[in-house]
Protein backbone atom coordinates (compact mmCIF):
# COMPACT_ATOMS: atom_id res chain seq x y z
CA MET A 1 0.08 -0.04 -0.11
CA ILE A 2 1.32 3.45 -0.91
CA PRO A 3 0.03 6.55 0.86
CA LEU A 4 -1.70 9.04 -1.38
CA GLY A 5 0.66 11.73 0.02
CA TYR A 6 3.54 10.11 -2.11
CA PHE A 7 1.68 10.94 -5.35
CA LEU A 8 0.97 14.49 -4.09
CA ILE A 9 4.93 15.16 -3.60
CA ALA A 10 5.42 13.62 -7.09
CA TRP A 11 2.70 15.89 -8.44
CA LEU A 12 4.51 18.77 -6.77
CA VAL A 13 7.80 18.04 -8.06
CA LEU A 14 6.31 17.82 -11.71
CA VAL A 15 4.44 21.13 -11.28
CA ALA A 16 7.99 22.62 -10.15
CA ILE A 17 9.42 21.30 -13.23
CA PHE A 18 6.56 22.68 -15.27
CA ALA A 19 6.78 26.02 -13.69
CA LEU A 20 10.59 26.28 -14.54
CA MET A 21 9.84 25.37 -18.47
CA ALA A 22 6.89 27.70 -18.43
CA PHE A 23 9.08 30.46 -17.05
CA VAL A 24 11.63 29.83 -19.75
CA THR A 25 8.94 29.65 -22.34
CA VAL A 26 7.43 32.75 -21.64
CA ILE A 27 10.97 34.53 -21.17
CA MET A 28 11.91 33.33 -24.67
CA ASN A 29 8.79 34.20 -26.08
CA VAL A 30 8.87 38.02 -24.86
CA ARG A 31 12.48 38.39 -25.39
CA TYR A 32 13.16 36.72 -28.92
CA GLY A 33 9.34 36.71 -30.25
CA LEU A 34 8.38 39.26 -33.18
CA SER A 35 7.74 42.59 -31.51
CA GLY A 36 3.89 42.95 -31.78
CA LEU A 37 0.42 42.58 -30.07
CA MET A 38 0.02 38.93 -30.91
CA THR A 39 3.34 37.95 -28.98
CA TYR A 40 1.94 39.54 -25.77
CA VAL A 41 -1.72 38.01 -26.46
CA SER A 42 -0.49 34.71 -27.03
CA THR A 43 1.89 34.96 -23.91
CA ALA A 44 -1.16 36.03 -21.83
CA ILE A 45 -3.38 33.48 -23.19
CA PHE A 46 -0.81 31.06 -22.13
CA LEU A 47 -0.39 32.20 -18.47
CA ILE A 48 -4.19 32.37 -18.21
CA VAL A 49 -4.95 28.84 -19.41
CA VAL A 50 -1.83 27.62 -17.07
CA CYS A 51 -3.30 29.53 -14.13
CA ALA A 52 -6.73 28.11 -14.68
CA VAL A 53 -5.51 24.76 -15.07
CA LEU A 54 -3.44 24.77 -11.80
CA PHE A 55 -6.40 26.55 -9.90
CA ALA A 56 -8.93 23.73 -10.89
CA THR A 57 -6.37 20.93 -10.24
CA GLY A 58 -5.71 22.49 -6.77
CA GLY A 59 -9.39 22.73 -6.09
CA TYR A 60 -9.83 19.13 -7.05
CA LEU A 61 -6.75 18.05 -4.64
CA ALA A 62 -8.23 20.02 -2.03
CA THR A 63 -11.19 17.65 -1.60
CA VAL A 64 -8.81 14.25 -1.70
CA ASP A 65 -8.62 12.40 1.40
CA TRP A 66 -4.97 11.99 1.67
CA SER A 67 -4.97 9.73 4.60
CA GLN A 68 -6.00 6.83 1.99
CA GLU A 69 -3.52 4.49 0.66
CA ALA A 70 -3.38 3.05 -3.04
CA ASP A 71 -2.93 -0.58 -3.85
CA ILE A 72 -0.92 -0.45 -6.93
CA VAL A 73 -0.38 -4.20 -7.14
CA PRO A 74 -3.59 -6.24 -6.11
CA SER A 75 -3.06 -9.17 -3.67
CA SER A 76 -3.44 -12.65 -5.14
CA GLU A 77 -6.83 -13.19 -3.20
CA ALA A 78 -8.11 -10.26 -4.99
CA VAL A 79 -7.12 -11.79 -8.33
CA TYR A 80 -8.68 -15.26 -7.47
CA GLU A 81 -11.94 -13.52 -6.46
CA LEU A 82 -12.95 -12.61 -9.95
C-alpha cells in the first residue's frame, strides 16, 4: 500500500519542473518573439490557461482524502476472487 501523499509529492515536483519550463518559454517568447501585439496576447493566453488549470487542479486536490492508501498491485486473493 502506498500513501496518497507520495503521489502529491510527485505531482508537486512535476509542477515545479513545469513552472520552470513555462518561465523559460515565456521569457523566450517575450525576448525573442516578434515585437507585436500577438506575441503579448499569445503569452497572456498561455499564462491564463496555465493558471486556470493549476487552480482547478488545486481545487480538486483540496477535496482528496490524503489519509487513504493506494493499492497499486492487487494481492493474489483479489485476483482469484474474480
